[in-house]
Amino acid sequence: MIRAYIGDTVSVTLPYSEACCFLRVAGTRMTVRVQPDGAQLLTADGAPYSFPVTHGEAGIVSLGARPEVSA
């Protein structure tokens, strides 16, 4: 599992979850954009691939919003 904040774009090897198997991307390395309501899989050119999946289905532990850093 990869830990990421909402808004991050990370490269992951997708797990053999039900959603990834259905989309036929399980075991492949893809770029994923972490969104508040799930994870958007992206093609090599950055276009969305299908529909967003849950964070867990994409192998991501969402840490929520990035913490604010006071100066």
C-alpha atoms as a PDB file:
ATOM      1  CA  MET A   1       0.000   0.000   0.000  1.00  0.00           C
ATOM      2  CA  ILE A   2       1.189   3.484  -0.882  1.00  0.00           C
ATOM      3  CA  ARG A   3       0.403   6.431   1.360  1.00  0.00           C
ATOM      4  CA  ALA A   4      -0.609   9.576  -0.499  1.00  0.00           C
ATOM      5  CA  TYR A   5      -2.454  12.831   0.060  1.00  0.00           C
ATOM      6  CA  ILE A   6      -5.472  14.009  -1.885  1.00  0.00           C
ATOM      7  CA  GLY A   7      -4.208  15.802  -4.968  1.00  0.00           C
ATOM      8  CA  ASP A   8      -1.053  13.686  -5.289  1.00  0.00           C
ATOM      9  CA  THR A   9      -0.280  11.871  -8.525  1.00  0.00           C
ATOM     10  CA  VAL A  10       1.656   8.665  -7.908  1.00  0.00           C
ATOM     11  CA  SER A  11       2.872   5.704  -9.937  1.00  0.00           C
ATOM     12  CA  VAL A  12       1.754   2.344  -8.523  1.00  0.00           C
ATOM     13  CA  THR A  13       1.660  -1.295  -9.497  1.00  0.00           C
ATOM     14  CA  LEU A  14      -2.052  -1.955  -9.231  1.00  0.00           C
ATOM     15  CA  PRO A  15      -3.110  -4.799  -6.930  1.00  0.00           C
ATOM     16  CA  TYR A  16      -5.279  -7.747  -7.929  1.00  0.00           C
ATOM     17  CA  SER A  17      -8.386  -6.112  -6.460  1.00  0.00           C
ATOM     18  CA  GLU A  18     -11.856  -6.749  -7.853  1.00  0.00           C
ATOM     19  CA  ALA A  19     -12.033  -3.369  -9.620  1.00  0.00           C
ATOM     20  CA  CYS A  20      -8.533  -3.631 -11.123  1.00  0.00           C
ATOM     21  CA  CYS A  21      -9.220  -7.167 -12.355  1.00  0.00           C
ATOM     22  CA  PHE A  22     -12.508  -6.007 -13.892  1.00  0.00           C
ATOM     23  CA  LEU A  23     -10.693  -3.159 -15.670  1.00  0.00           C
ATOM     24  CA  ARG A  24      -7.907  -5.600 -16.702  1.00  0.00           C
ATOM     25  CA  VAL A  25      -5.156  -3.470 -15.193  1.00  0.00           C
ATOM     26  CA  ALA A  26      -4.262  -5.644 -12.189  1.00  0.00           C
ATOM     27  CA  GLY A  27      -0.510  -6.113 -11.881  1.00  0.00           C
ATOM     28  CA  THR A  28       0.302  -3.254 -14.263  1.00  0.00           C
ATOM     29  CA  ARG A  29       2.098  -0.047 -13.349  1.00  0.00           C
ATOM     30  CA  MET A  30      -0.067   3.040 -13.855  1.00  0.00           C
ATOM     31  CA  THR A  31      -0.168   6.641 -12.770  1.00  0.00           C
ATOM     32  CA  VAL A  32      -2.971   7.381 -10.308  1.00  0.00           C
ATOM     33  CA  ARG A  33      -4.379  10.754  -9.234  1.00  0.00           C
ATOM     34  CA  VAL A  34      -5.635  10.658  -5.635  1.00  0.00           C
ATOM     35  CA  GLN A  35      -9.005  12.407  -5.402  1.00  0.00           C
ATOM     36  CA  PRO A  36     -11.244  12.991  -2.372  1.00  0.00           C
ATOM     37  CA  ASP A  37     -13.740  10.347  -3.509  1.00  0.00           C
ATOM     38  CA  GLY A  38     -11.347   7.791  -4.995  1.00  0.00           C
ATOM     39  CA  ALA A  39      -8.373   7.219  -7.264  1.00  0.00           C
ATOM     40  CA  GLN A  40      -8.420   8.127 -10.952  1.00  0.00           C
ATOM     41  CA  LEU A  41      -6.304   5.808 -13.074  1.00  0.00           C
ATOM     42  CA  LEU A  42      -4.467   7.645 -15.841  1.00  0.00           C
ATOM     43  CA  THR A  43      -3.183   6.510 -19.239  1.00  0.00           C
ATOM     44  CA  ALA A  44       0.426   7.131 -20.305  1.00  0.00           C
ATOM     45  CA  ASP A  45      -0.568  10.488 -21.811  1.00  0.00           C
ATOM     46  CA  GLY A  46      -2.383  11.580 -18.623  1.00  0.00           C
ATOM     47  CA  ALA A  47      -5.954  11.002 -19.785  1.00  0.00           C
ATOM     48  CA  PRO A  48      -8.422   9.364 -17.354  1.00  0.00           C
ATOM     49  CA  TYR A  49      -8.724   5.597 -17.755  1.00  0.00           C
ATOM     50  CA  SER A  50     -12.291   4.475 -17.154  1.00  0.00           C
ATOM     51  CA  PHE A  51     -13.988   5.501 -13.911  1.00  0.00           C
ATOM     52  CA  PRO A  52     -12.346   6.322 -10.548  1.00  0.00           C
ATOM     53  CA  VAL A  53     -11.906   3.380  -8.165  1.00  0.00           C
ATOM     54  CA  THR A  54     -11.730   3.478  -4.373  1.00  0.00           C
ATOM     55  CA  HIS A  55      -8.405   4.257  -2.745  1.00  0.00           C
ATOM     56  CA  GLY A  56      -8.136   0.710  -1.399  1.00  0.00           C
ATOM     57  CA  GLU A  57      -8.898  -0.868  -4.790  1.00  0.00           C
ATOM     58  CA  ALA A  58      -5.940   1.084  -6.222  1.00  0.00           C
ATOM     59  CA  GLY A  59      -3.643   0.059  -3.353  1.00  0.00           C
ATOM     60  CA  ILE A  60      -3.513   3.529  -1.814  1.00  0.00           C
ATOM     61  CA  VAL A  61      -4.005   4.598   1.777  1.00  0.00           C
ATOM     62  CA  SER A  62      -5.368   8.137   1.605  1.00  0.00           C
ATOM     63  CA  LEU A  63      -3.946  10.429   4.253  1.00  0.00           C
ATOM     64  CA  GLY A  64      -6.665  12.986   3.595  1.00  0.00           C
ATOM     65  CA  ALA A  65      -5.925  16.599   2.737  1.00  0.00           C
ATOM     66  CA  ARG A  66      -2.307  17.733   2.778  1.00  0.00           C
ATOM     67  CA  PRO A  67      -1.607  19.428   6.113  1.00  0.00           C
ATOM     68  CA  GLU A  68      -1.219  23.193   6.075  1.00  0.00           C
ATOM     69  CA  VAL A  69       2.269  24.392   6.990  1.00  0.00           C
ATOM     70  CA  SER A  70       2.330  27.662   8.890  1.00  0.00           C
ATOM     71  CA  ALA A  71       5.216  29.987   8.096  1.00  0.00           C
END
